[in-house]
Amino acid sequence: MSDEKIIIKRLEPANLDQVNQFRMSHSDDKPLQNFIRRKARKSASANLTQTYVAKVENTLPIIGYISVMCAEIKLDNAYEIGDKPDADIYEYQPAVRISRLAVEDSYRGKNVGRELVEMAIGITIYAIVPNAGCRFLILDAKPKSILFYEKLGFRLLDTDENRSKATPLMFMDLRPC
């Protein structure tokens, strides 16, 4: 894939025929396959999520996707945000959630997931933060994906309750350095 250029676009009606070709073979990943095939457009139409699809330039099949939505995070004193006046006066902090990330089996380990997450970070920082305010990017990680997300700058919310979850919450603080 080193010579292949990845294109990421919002899921549009023109892509709907291609979503049925998206395949994930592991049984744990079937809900991700089913979401893109059956629910992504309805979820976008209801203003619940927006889904972005990755394709190799000049090809038809979708090789991965990411869905994002507005959310909030309760830090429970597990992370200090007192860097700005009144930053911690609210029990919940504004966030964008990566609700789903999936890469087709044959493209795993080829940076497609990284490119999708980086695109979500970019949308959050450059489109949402300046217009609505948002401090965090969050997600619920499968244990096998935690290291992947840590390499991209996410951290586990450090509470006993969170560490004991099947899919613990991870976050990225978007505050300017």
N, C-alpha and C. Protein backbone atom coordinates (compact mmCIF):
# COMPACT_ATOMS: atom_id res chain seq x y z
N MET A 1 0.81 -1.18 0.00
CA MET A 1 0.00 0.00 0.00
C MET A 1 0.86 1.25 0.00
N SER A 2 2.16 1.14 0.02
CA SER A 2 3.00 2.31 0.15
C SER A 2 2.80 3.31 -0.98
N ASP A 3 2.44 2.87 -2.17
CA ASP A 3 2.21 3.78 -3.29
C ASP A 3 0.74 4.18 -3.40
N GLU A 4 -0.12 3.59 -2.62
CA GLU A 4 -1.55 3.87 -2.71
C GLU A 4 -1.90 5.08 -1.85
N LYS A 5 -2.65 6.00 -2.43
CA LYS A 5 -3.08 7.18 -1.70
C LYS A 5 -4.47 6.93 -1.12
N ILE A 6 -4.60 7.17 0.18
CA ILE A 6 -5.88 6.98 0.87
C ILE A 6 -6.68 8.28 0.80
N ILE A 7 -7.93 8.16 0.40
CA ILE A 7 -8.86 9.29 0.34
C ILE A 7 -9.90 9.07 1.43
N ILE A 8 -10.18 10.09 2.23
CA ILE A 8 -11.20 10.00 3.27
C ILE A 8 -12.27 11.04 2.99
N LYS A 9 -13.53 10.58 2.91
CA LYS A 9 -14.66 11.47 2.63
C LYS A 9 -15.83 11.08 3.52
N ARG A 10 -16.71 12.05 3.73
CA ARG A 10 -17.93 11.76 4.48
C ARG A 10 -18.76 10.74 3.69
N LEU A 11 -19.39 9.83 4.41
CA LEU A 11 -20.27 8.85 3.77
C LEU A 11 -21.43 9.59 3.11
N GLU A 12 -21.56 9.42 1.82
CA GLU A 12 -22.60 10.09 1.03
C GLU A 12 -23.46 9.04 0.34
N PRO A 13 -24.63 9.44 -0.15
CA PRO A 13 -25.48 8.48 -0.87
C PRO A 13 -24.74 7.77 -2.01
N ALA A 14 -23.79 8.44 -2.64
CA ALA A 14 -23.04 7.82 -3.73
C ALA A 14 -22.21 6.63 -3.25
N ASN A 15 -21.88 6.57 -1.97
CA ASN A 15 -21.08 5.47 -1.42
C ASN A 15 -21.92 4.30 -0.94
N LEU A 16 -23.23 4.44 -0.94
CA LEU A 16 -24.06 3.42 -0.30
C LEU A 16 -23.93 2.05 -0.94
N ASP A 17 -23.73 1.98 -2.24
CA ASP A 17 -23.56 0.67 -2.88
C ASP A 17 -22.28 -0.01 -2.41
N GLN A 18 -21.29 0.77 -2.04
CA GLN A 18 -20.00 0.22 -1.65
C GLN A 18 -19.96 -0.28 -0.21
N VAL A 19 -20.87 0.18 0.63
CA VAL A 19 -20.81 -0.25 2.04
C VAL A 19 -21.07 -1.74 2.19
N ASN A 20 -21.86 -2.32 1.30
CA ASN A 20 -22.15 -3.75 1.40
C ASN A 20 -20.94 -4.62 1.06
N GLN A 21 -19.93 -4.03 0.46
CA GLN A 21 -18.71 -4.77 0.14
C GLN A 21 -17.71 -4.76 1.30
N PHE A 22 -17.97 -3.92 2.30
CA PHE A 22 -17.05 -3.81 3.44
C PHE A 22 -17.09 -5.09 4.26
N ARG A 23 -15.94 -5.72 4.47
CA ARG A 23 -15.89 -7.01 5.15
C ARG A 23 -14.92 -6.99 6.33
N MET A 24 -15.39 -7.62 7.40
CA MET A 24 -14.54 -7.87 8.56
C MET A 24 -14.80 -9.32 8.97
N SER A 25 -13.75 -10.12 9.06
CA SER A 25 -13.96 -11.55 9.25
C SER A 25 -14.09 -11.98 10.71
N HIS A 26 -13.50 -11.25 11.64
CA HIS A 26 -13.53 -11.66 13.04
C HIS A 26 -14.92 -11.42 13.63
N SER A 27 -15.44 -12.38 14.37
CA SER A 27 -16.80 -12.26 14.92
C SER A 27 -16.96 -11.06 15.85
N ASP A 28 -15.89 -10.66 16.56
CA ASP A 28 -15.97 -9.48 17.43
C ASP A 28 -16.20 -8.19 16.64
N ASP A 29 -15.84 -8.22 15.36
CA ASP A 29 -15.94 -7.02 14.52
C ASP A 29 -17.23 -6.95 13.72
N LYS A 30 -18.07 -7.96 13.79
CA LYS A 30 -19.31 -7.96 13.00
C LYS A 30 -20.21 -6.77 13.32
N PRO A 31 -20.32 -6.31 14.58
CA PRO A 31 -21.13 -5.11 14.82
C PRO A 31 -20.62 -3.89 14.05
N LEU A 32 -19.31 -3.79 13.87
CA LEU A 32 -18.75 -2.68 13.08
C LEU A 32 -19.13 -2.81 11.61
N GLN A 33 -19.08 -4.02 11.10
CA GLN A 33 -19.48 -4.27 9.71
C GLN A 33 -20.97 -3.96 9.54
N ASN A 34 -21.77 -4.40 10.48
CA ASN A 34 -23.22 -4.17 10.38
C ASN A 34 -23.58 -2.69 10.49
N PHE A 35 -22.85 -1.93 11.31
CA PHE A 35 -23.15 -0.51 11.44
C PHE A 35 -23.00 0.21 10.11
N ILE A 36 -21.89 0.02 9.44
CA ILE A 36 -21.67 0.73 8.17
C ILE A 36 -22.69 0.30 7.13
N ARG A 37 -23.08 -0.94 7.16
CA ARG A 37 -24.03 -1.45 6.17
C ARG A 37 -25.47 -1.03 6.45
N ARG A 38 -25.87 -1.01 7.72
CA ARG A 38 -27.29 -0.86 8.03
C ARG A 38 -27.67 0.42 8.77
N LYS A 39 -26.74 1.03 9.50
CA LYS A 39 -27.13 2.10 10.41
C LYS A 39 -26.44 3.44 10.19
N ALA A 40 -25.34 3.48 9.50
CA ALA A 40 -24.56 4.72 9.41
C ALA A 40 -25.35 5.85 8.77
N ARG A 41 -26.04 5.60 7.68
CA ARG A 41 -26.80 6.67 7.01
C ARG A 41 -27.95 7.15 7.89
N LYS A 42 -28.67 6.23 8.51
CA LYS A 42 -29.78 6.63 9.39
C LYS A 42 -29.26 7.45 10.57
N SER A 43 -28.14 7.05 11.11
CA SER A 43 -27.56 7.76 12.24
C SER A 43 -27.14 9.18 11.83
N ALA A 44 -26.61 9.32 10.63
CA ALA A 44 -26.24 10.66 10.13
C ALA A 44 -27.48 11.49 9.86
N SER A 45 -28.50 10.89 9.28
CA SER A 45 -29.74 11.62 8.99
C SER A 45 -30.41 12.13 10.26
N ALA A 46 -30.24 11.41 11.35
CA ALA A 46 -30.82 11.81 12.63
C ALA A 46 -29.89 12.75 13.42
N ASN A 47 -28.80 13.16 12.79
CA ASN A 47 -27.80 14.04 13.43
C ASN A 47 -27.20 13.43 14.70
N LEU A 48 -27.03 12.12 14.70
CA LEU A 48 -26.41 11.43 15.84
C LEU A 48 -24.92 11.24 15.63
N THR A 49 -24.53 10.82 14.44
CA THR A 49 -23.12 10.62 14.11
C THR A 49 -22.87 11.09 12.69
N GLN A 50 -21.61 11.30 12.39
CA GLN A 50 -21.17 11.47 11.01
C GLN A 50 -20.12 10.39 10.78
N THR A 51 -20.22 9.75 9.63
CA THR A 51 -19.31 8.67 9.29
C THR A 51 -18.48 9.09 8.08
N TYR A 52 -17.19 8.82 8.18
CA TYR A 52 -16.25 9.12 7.11
C TYR A 52 -15.64 7.81 6.65
N VAL A 53 -15.54 7.64 5.33
CA VAL A 53 -15.04 6.39 4.76
C VAL A 53 -13.68 6.61 4.11
N ALA A 54 -12.85 5.59 4.20
CA ALA A 54 -11.53 5.60 3.57
C ALA A 54 -11.56 4.68 2.37
N LYS A 55 -10.97 5.16 1.29
CA LYS A 55 -10.85 4.38 0.06
C LYS A 55 -9.47 4.62 -0.51
N VAL A 56 -8.99 3.66 -1.27
CA VAL A 56 -7.77 3.88 -2.03
C VAL A 56 -8.15 4.72 -3.24
N GLU A 57 -7.37 5.75 -3.51
CA GLU A 57 -7.67 6.65 -4.62
C GLU A 57 -7.90 5.87 -5.91
N ASN A 58 -8.92 6.27 -6.66
CA ASN A 58 -9.29 5.67 -7.95
C ASN A 58 -9.78 4.23 -7.84
N THR A 59 -10.26 3.84 -6.66
CA THR A 59 -10.88 2.52 -6.52
C THR A 59 -12.24 2.71 -5.86
N LEU A 60 -13.07 1.70 -5.93
CA LEU A 60 -14.41 1.80 -5.37
C LEU A 60 -14.55 1.31 -3.94
N PRO A 61 -13.96 0.18 -3.56
CA PRO A 61 -14.29 -0.38 -2.24
C PRO A 61 -13.89 0.53 -1.08
N ILE A 62 -14.73 0.52 -0.06
CA ILE A 62 -14.42 1.18 1.20
C ILE A 62 -13.49 0.26 1.98
N ILE A 63 -12.38 0.81 2.49
CA ILE A 63 -11.42 -0.02 3.21
C ILE A 63 -11.41 0.27 4.71
N GLY A 64 -12.15 1.29 5.12
CA GLY A 64 -12.24 1.62 6.53
C GLY A 64 -13.22 2.75 6.75
N TYR A 65 -13.59 2.95 8.00
CA TYR A 65 -14.47 4.08 8.31
C TYR A 65 -14.31 4.49 9.76
N ILE A 66 -14.75 5.71 10.04
CA ILE A 66 -14.77 6.24 11.40
C ILE A 66 -16.06 7.01 11.57
N SER A 67 -16.69 6.88 12.72
CA SER A 67 -17.89 7.64 13.05
C SER A 67 -17.59 8.50 14.27
N VAL A 68 -18.05 9.75 14.22
CA VAL A 68 -17.83 10.68 15.32
C VAL A 68 -19.15 11.31 15.74
N MET A 69 -19.22 11.71 17.00
CA MET A 69 -20.42 12.33 17.54
C MET A 69 -20.05 13.25 18.70
N CYS A 70 -20.95 14.15 19.03
CA CYS A 70 -20.74 15.00 20.20
C CYS A 70 -20.94 14.17 21.47
N ALA A 71 -20.23 14.55 22.52
CA ALA A 71 -20.29 13.78 23.76
C ALA A 71 -19.82 14.65 24.92
N GLU A 72 -19.62 14.01 26.04
CA GLU A 72 -19.06 14.67 27.21
C GLU A 72 -18.30 13.63 28.01
N ILE A 73 -17.42 14.11 28.87
CA ILE A 73 -16.62 13.21 29.70
C ILE A 73 -16.67 13.72 31.14
N LYS A 74 -16.86 12.78 32.05
CA LYS A 74 -16.79 13.07 33.48
C LYS A 74 -15.44 12.54 33.97
N LEU A 75 -14.59 13.43 34.41
CA LEU A 75 -13.23 13.06 34.76
C LEU A 75 -13.08 12.50 36.16
N ASP A 76 -14.01 12.79 37.06
CA ASP A 76 -13.96 12.26 38.42
C ASP A 76 -12.61 12.46 39.10
N ASN A 77 -12.02 13.63 38.94
CA ASN A 77 -10.72 13.95 39.54
C ASN A 77 -9.59 13.04 39.09
N ALA A 78 -9.78 12.31 37.99
CA ALA A 78 -8.74 11.42 37.48
C ALA A 78 -7.77 12.15 36.56
N TYR A 79 -8.10 13.40 36.22
CA TYR A 79 -7.24 14.18 35.34
C TYR A 79 -7.41 15.64 35.71
N GLU A 80 -6.32 16.33 35.90
CA GLU A 80 -6.33 17.74 36.30
C GLU A 80 -6.47 18.64 35.08
N ILE A 81 -7.51 19.48 35.09
CA ILE A 81 -7.69 20.42 33.98
C ILE A 81 -7.67 21.86 34.47
N GLY A 82 -7.05 22.11 35.59
CA GLY A 82 -7.05 23.43 36.19
C GLY A 82 -6.12 24.42 35.52
N ASP A 83 -5.71 24.15 34.29
CA ASP A 83 -4.78 25.03 33.60
C ASP A 83 -5.41 26.33 33.14
N LYS A 84 -6.70 26.38 33.06
CA LYS A 84 -7.42 27.59 32.65
C LYS A 84 -8.38 27.99 33.76
N PRO A 85 -8.60 29.29 33.95
CA PRO A 85 -9.56 29.71 34.98
C PRO A 85 -10.93 29.08 34.72
N ASP A 86 -11.49 28.50 35.74
CA ASP A 86 -12.83 27.90 35.70
C ASP A 86 -12.95 26.70 34.77
N ALA A 87 -11.84 26.10 34.35
CA ALA A 87 -11.92 24.96 33.44
C ALA A 87 -12.60 23.76 34.08
N ASP A 88 -12.50 23.65 35.40
CA ASP A 88 -13.06 22.47 36.05
C ASP A 88 -14.31 22.76 36.87
N ILE A 89 -15.02 23.83 36.54
CA ILE A 89 -16.23 24.14 37.31
C ILE A 89 -17.41 23.26 36.91
N TYR A 90 -17.31 22.61 35.75
CA TYR A 90 -18.40 21.76 35.29
C TYR A 90 -18.09 20.30 35.63
N GLU A 91 -19.13 19.56 36.00
CA GLU A 91 -18.95 18.14 36.30
C GLU A 91 -18.55 17.37 35.05
N TYR A 92 -19.11 17.76 33.91
CA TYR A 92 -18.81 17.11 32.63
C TYR A 92 -18.10 18.11 31.73
N GLN A 93 -17.16 17.62 30.95
CA GLN A 93 -16.41 18.45 30.02
C GLN A 93 -16.83 18.12 28.58
N PRO A 94 -16.86 19.11 27.69
CA PRO A 94 -17.28 18.87 26.31
C PRO A 94 -16.26 18.01 25.56
N ALA A 95 -16.79 17.13 24.72
CA ALA A 95 -15.94 16.19 24.00
C ALA A 95 -16.56 15.83 22.66
N VAL A 96 -15.73 15.27 21.81
CA VAL A 96 -16.18 14.58 20.61
C VAL A 96 -15.80 13.13 20.81
N ARG A 97 -16.72 12.23 20.51
CA ARG A 97 -16.49 10.79 20.68
C ARG A 97 -16.25 10.13 19.33
N ILE A 98 -15.20 9.34 19.26
CA ILE A 98 -15.04 8.41 18.15
C ILE A 98 -15.89 7.21 18.53
N SER A 99 -17.04 7.09 17.90
CA SER A 99 -17.98 6.03 18.30
C SER A 99 -17.69 4.70 17.61
N ARG A 100 -17.07 4.76 16.44
CA ARG A 100 -16.71 3.53 15.73
C ARG A 100 -15.49 3.80 14.86
N LEU A 101 -14.61 2.81 14.81
CA LEU A 101 -13.46 2.82 13.91
C LEU A 101 -13.29 1.40 13.41
N ALA A 102 -13.25 1.24 12.10
CA ALA A 102 -13.10 -0.10 11.53
C ALA A 102 -12.23 -0.03 10.28
N VAL A 103 -11.40 -1.04 10.12
CA VAL A 103 -10.56 -1.16 8.93
C VAL A 103 -10.72 -2.58 8.41
N GLU A 104 -10.95 -2.69 7.11
CA GLU A 104 -11.10 -4.00 6.49
C GLU A 104 -9.86 -4.84 6.76
N ASP A 105 -10.07 -6.14 6.91
CA ASP A 105 -9.00 -7.06 7.29
C ASP A 105 -7.72 -6.88 6.48
N SER A 106 -7.83 -6.80 5.17
CA SER A 106 -6.64 -6.76 4.31
C SER A 106 -5.86 -5.45 4.41
N TYR A 107 -6.43 -4.44 5.07
CA TYR A 107 -5.76 -3.15 5.21
C TYR A 107 -5.32 -2.85 6.64
N ARG A 108 -5.52 -3.78 7.55
CA ARG A 108 -5.06 -3.56 8.92
C ARG A 108 -3.54 -3.54 8.97
N GLY A 109 -3.02 -2.67 9.82
CA GLY A 109 -1.57 -2.53 9.94
C GLY A 109 -0.94 -1.71 8.83
N LYS A 110 -1.77 -1.06 8.01
CA LYS A 110 -1.25 -0.27 6.89
C LYS A 110 -1.58 1.22 7.04
N ASN A 111 -1.76 1.67 8.27
CA ASN A 111 -1.97 3.08 8.63
C ASN A 111 -3.33 3.65 8.24
N VAL A 112 -4.26 2.84 7.80
CA VAL A 112 -5.60 3.35 7.47
C VAL A 112 -6.30 3.83 8.74
N GLY A 113 -6.25 3.04 9.79
CA GLY A 113 -6.86 3.45 11.06
C GLY A 113 -6.23 4.71 11.61
N ARG A 114 -4.92 4.81 11.54
CA ARG A 114 -4.22 6.01 11.99
C ARG A 114 -4.69 7.23 11.20
N GLU A 115 -4.79 7.10 9.88
CA GLU A 115 -5.23 8.23 9.06
C GLU A 115 -6.67 8.64 9.39
N LEU A 116 -7.53 7.67 9.66
CA LEU A 116 -8.91 8.00 10.03
C LEU A 116 -8.96 8.73 11.36
N VAL A 117 -8.20 8.26 12.35
CA VAL A 117 -8.19 8.93 13.65
C VAL A 117 -7.59 10.33 13.52
N GLU A 118 -6.52 10.47 12.77
CA GLU A 118 -5.92 11.80 12.58
C GLU A 118 -6.90 12.75 11.90
N MET A 119 -7.71 12.25 10.99
CA MET A 119 -8.73 13.08 10.35
C MET A 119 -9.77 13.53 11.39
N ALA A 120 -10.17 12.62 12.27
CA ALA A 120 -11.13 12.98 13.32
C ALA A 120 -10.54 14.01 14.28
N ILE A 121 -9.27 13.88 14.59
CA ILE A 121 -8.60 14.87 15.43
C ILE A 121 -8.62 16.23 14.72
N GLY A 122 -8.31 16.23 13.44
CA GLY A 122 -8.30 17.47 12.67
C GLY A 122 -9.66 18.13 12.61
N ILE A 123 -10.71 17.36 12.35
CA ILE A 123 -12.07 17.92 12.33
C ILE A 123 -12.39 18.55 13.68
N THR A 124 -12.05 17.84 14.74
CA THR A 124 -12.36 18.34 16.08
C THR A 124 -11.61 19.64 16.37
N ILE A 125 -10.31 19.65 16.12
CA ILE A 125 -9.50 20.83 16.44
C ILE A 125 -9.82 22.02 15.56
N TYR A 126 -10.02 21.79 14.27
CA TYR A 126 -10.15 22.91 13.34
C TYR A 126 -11.58 23.31 13.02
N ALA A 127 -12.54 22.42 13.22
CA ALA A 127 -13.93 22.77 12.90
C ALA A 127 -14.81 22.91 14.14
N ILE A 128 -14.61 22.06 15.13
CA ILE A 128 -15.50 22.08 16.28
C ILE A 128 -14.99 23.00 17.39
N VAL A 129 -13.74 22.84 17.79
CA VAL A 129 -13.20 23.64 18.90
C VAL A 129 -13.40 25.14 18.68
N PRO A 130 -13.08 25.69 17.51
CA PRO A 130 -13.24 27.14 17.36
C PRO A 130 -14.68 27.62 17.31
N ASN A 131 -15.61 26.72 17.00
CA ASN A 131 -17.00 27.13 16.81
C ASN A 131 -17.94 26.74 17.94
N ALA A 132 -17.59 25.76 18.72
CA ALA A 132 -18.51 25.31 19.77
C ALA A 132 -17.82 25.09 21.11
N GLY A 133 -16.54 24.98 21.11
CA GLY A 133 -15.84 24.66 22.34
C GLY A 133 -15.85 23.16 22.57
N CYS A 134 -14.69 22.60 22.78
CA CYS A 134 -14.56 21.17 23.00
C CYS A 134 -13.17 20.96 23.57
N ARG A 135 -13.08 20.24 24.67
CA ARG A 135 -11.79 20.07 25.33
C ARG A 135 -11.16 18.70 25.07
N PHE A 136 -12.00 17.69 24.82
CA PHE A 136 -11.49 16.32 24.75
C PHE A 136 -12.00 15.58 23.52
N LEU A 137 -11.21 14.62 23.07
CA LEU A 137 -11.62 13.62 22.10
C LEU A 137 -11.61 12.31 22.89
N ILE A 138 -12.71 11.56 22.83
CA ILE A 138 -12.83 10.36 23.66
C ILE A 138 -13.25 9.16 22.82
N LEU A 139 -13.07 7.98 23.39
CA LEU A 139 -13.50 6.73 22.75
C LEU A 139 -13.51 5.63 23.79
N ASP A 140 -14.24 4.57 23.49
CA ASP A 140 -14.21 3.35 24.30
C ASP A 140 -13.37 2.35 23.52
N ALA A 141 -12.29 1.87 24.13
CA ALA A 141 -11.32 1.04 23.42
C ALA A 141 -11.46 -0.43 23.78
N LYS A 142 -11.43 -1.26 22.76
CA LYS A 142 -11.30 -2.69 23.00
C LYS A 142 -9.88 -2.92 23.53
N PRO A 143 -9.70 -3.87 24.45
CA PRO A 143 -8.36 -4.09 25.02
C PRO A 143 -7.27 -4.26 23.96
N LYS A 144 -7.58 -4.95 22.86
CA LYS A 144 -6.58 -5.18 21.83
C LYS A 144 -6.20 -3.90 21.09
N SER A 145 -6.97 -2.82 21.26
CA SER A 145 -6.72 -1.57 20.55
C SER A 145 -6.10 -0.48 21.42
N ILE A 146 -5.95 -0.73 22.71
CA ILE A 146 -5.46 0.31 23.62
C ILE A 146 -4.08 0.82 23.21
N LEU A 147 -3.15 -0.05 22.90
CA LEU A 147 -1.80 0.37 22.51
C LEU A 147 -1.84 1.23 21.24
N PHE A 148 -2.67 0.86 20.27
CA PHE A 148 -2.84 1.65 19.05
C PHE A 148 -3.24 3.08 19.40
N TYR A 149 -4.24 3.23 20.25
CA TYR A 149 -4.71 4.57 20.62
C TYR A 149 -3.68 5.32 21.46
N GLU A 150 -2.97 4.62 22.32
CA GLU A 150 -1.92 5.29 23.11
C GLU A 150 -0.84 5.88 22.19
N LYS A 151 -0.49 5.16 21.14
CA LYS A 151 0.51 5.66 20.19
C LYS A 151 0.03 6.93 19.49
N LEU A 152 -1.28 7.12 19.41
CA LEU A 152 -1.84 8.31 18.78
C LEU A 152 -2.07 9.45 19.77
N GLY A 153 -1.75 9.22 21.05
CA GLY A 153 -1.85 10.28 22.04
C GLY A 153 -3.02 10.18 23.00
N PHE A 154 -3.78 9.10 22.95
CA PHE A 154 -4.90 8.91 23.89
C PHE A 154 -4.37 8.31 25.19
N ARG A 155 -5.09 8.57 26.28
CA ARG A 155 -4.75 8.03 27.60
C ARG A 155 -5.98 7.36 28.19
N LEU A 156 -5.76 6.33 28.97
CA LEU A 156 -6.86 5.71 29.72
C LEU A 156 -7.27 6.65 30.84
N LEU A 157 -8.57 6.78 31.05
CA LEU A 157 -9.06 7.51 32.22
C LEU A 157 -8.71 6.66 33.43
N ASP A 158 -7.91 7.20 34.33
CA ASP A 158 -7.31 6.42 35.41
C ASP A 158 -8.21 6.34 36.64
N THR A 159 -9.26 5.52 36.52
CA THR A 159 -10.12 5.22 37.66
C THR A 159 -10.29 3.70 37.74
N ASP A 160 -10.53 3.19 38.93
CA ASP A 160 -10.75 1.75 39.09
C ASP A 160 -11.92 1.29 38.25
N GLU A 161 -13.00 2.06 38.29
CA GLU A 161 -14.20 1.69 37.52
C GLU A 161 -13.89 1.61 36.03
N ASN A 162 -13.18 2.59 35.50
CA ASN A 162 -12.88 2.60 34.07
C ASN A 162 -11.95 1.45 33.68
N ARG A 163 -10.92 1.21 34.49
CA ARG A 163 -9.98 0.12 34.17
C ARG A 163 -10.66 -1.24 34.18
N SER A 164 -11.76 -1.39 34.92
CA SER A 164 -12.44 -2.69 35.00
C SER A 164 -13.45 -2.90 33.88
N LYS A 165 -13.70 -1.90 33.06
CA LYS A 165 -14.68 -2.02 31.98
C LYS A 165 -14.14 -2.89 30.84
N ALA A 166 -15.05 -3.54 30.13
CA ALA A 166 -14.66 -4.34 28.96
C ALA A 166 -14.07 -3.46 27.86
N THR A 167 -14.59 -2.25 27.73
CA THR A 167 -14.06 -1.28 26.77
C THR A 167 -13.83 0.04 27.51
N PRO A 168 -12.66 0.19 28.13
CA PRO A 168 -12.42 1.39 28.94
C PRO A 168 -12.36 2.67 28.11
N LEU A 169 -12.72 3.76 28.77
CA LEU A 169 -12.70 5.08 28.15
C LEU A 169 -11.27 5.57 28.02
N MET A 170 -10.95 6.08 26.84
CA MET A 170 -9.68 6.74 26.60
C MET A 170 -9.97 8.16 26.16
N PHE A 171 -9.01 9.07 26.39
CA PHE A 171 -9.24 10.46 26.03
C PHE A 171 -7.96 11.12 25.54
N MET A 172 -8.15 12.19 24.79
CA MET A 172 -7.07 13.06 24.36
C MET A 172 -7.46 14.47 24.75
N ASP A 173 -6.59 15.15 25.48
CA ASP A 173 -6.84 16.53 25.87
C ASP A 173 -6.45 17.42 24.69
N LEU A 174 -7.37 18.25 24.24
CA LEU A 174 -7.15 19.08 23.06
C LEU A 174 -6.70 20.49 23.40
N ARG A 175 -6.38 20.75 24.67
CA ARG A 175 -5.99 22.11 25.05
C ARG A 175 -4.75 22.52 24.26
N PRO A 176 -4.71 23.80 23.90
CA PRO A 176 -3.52 24.28 23.19
C PRO A 176 -2.30 24.23 24.10
N CYS A 177 -1.19 23.89 23.55
CA CYS A 177 0.06 23.83 24.34
C CYS A 177 0.63 25.21 24.56
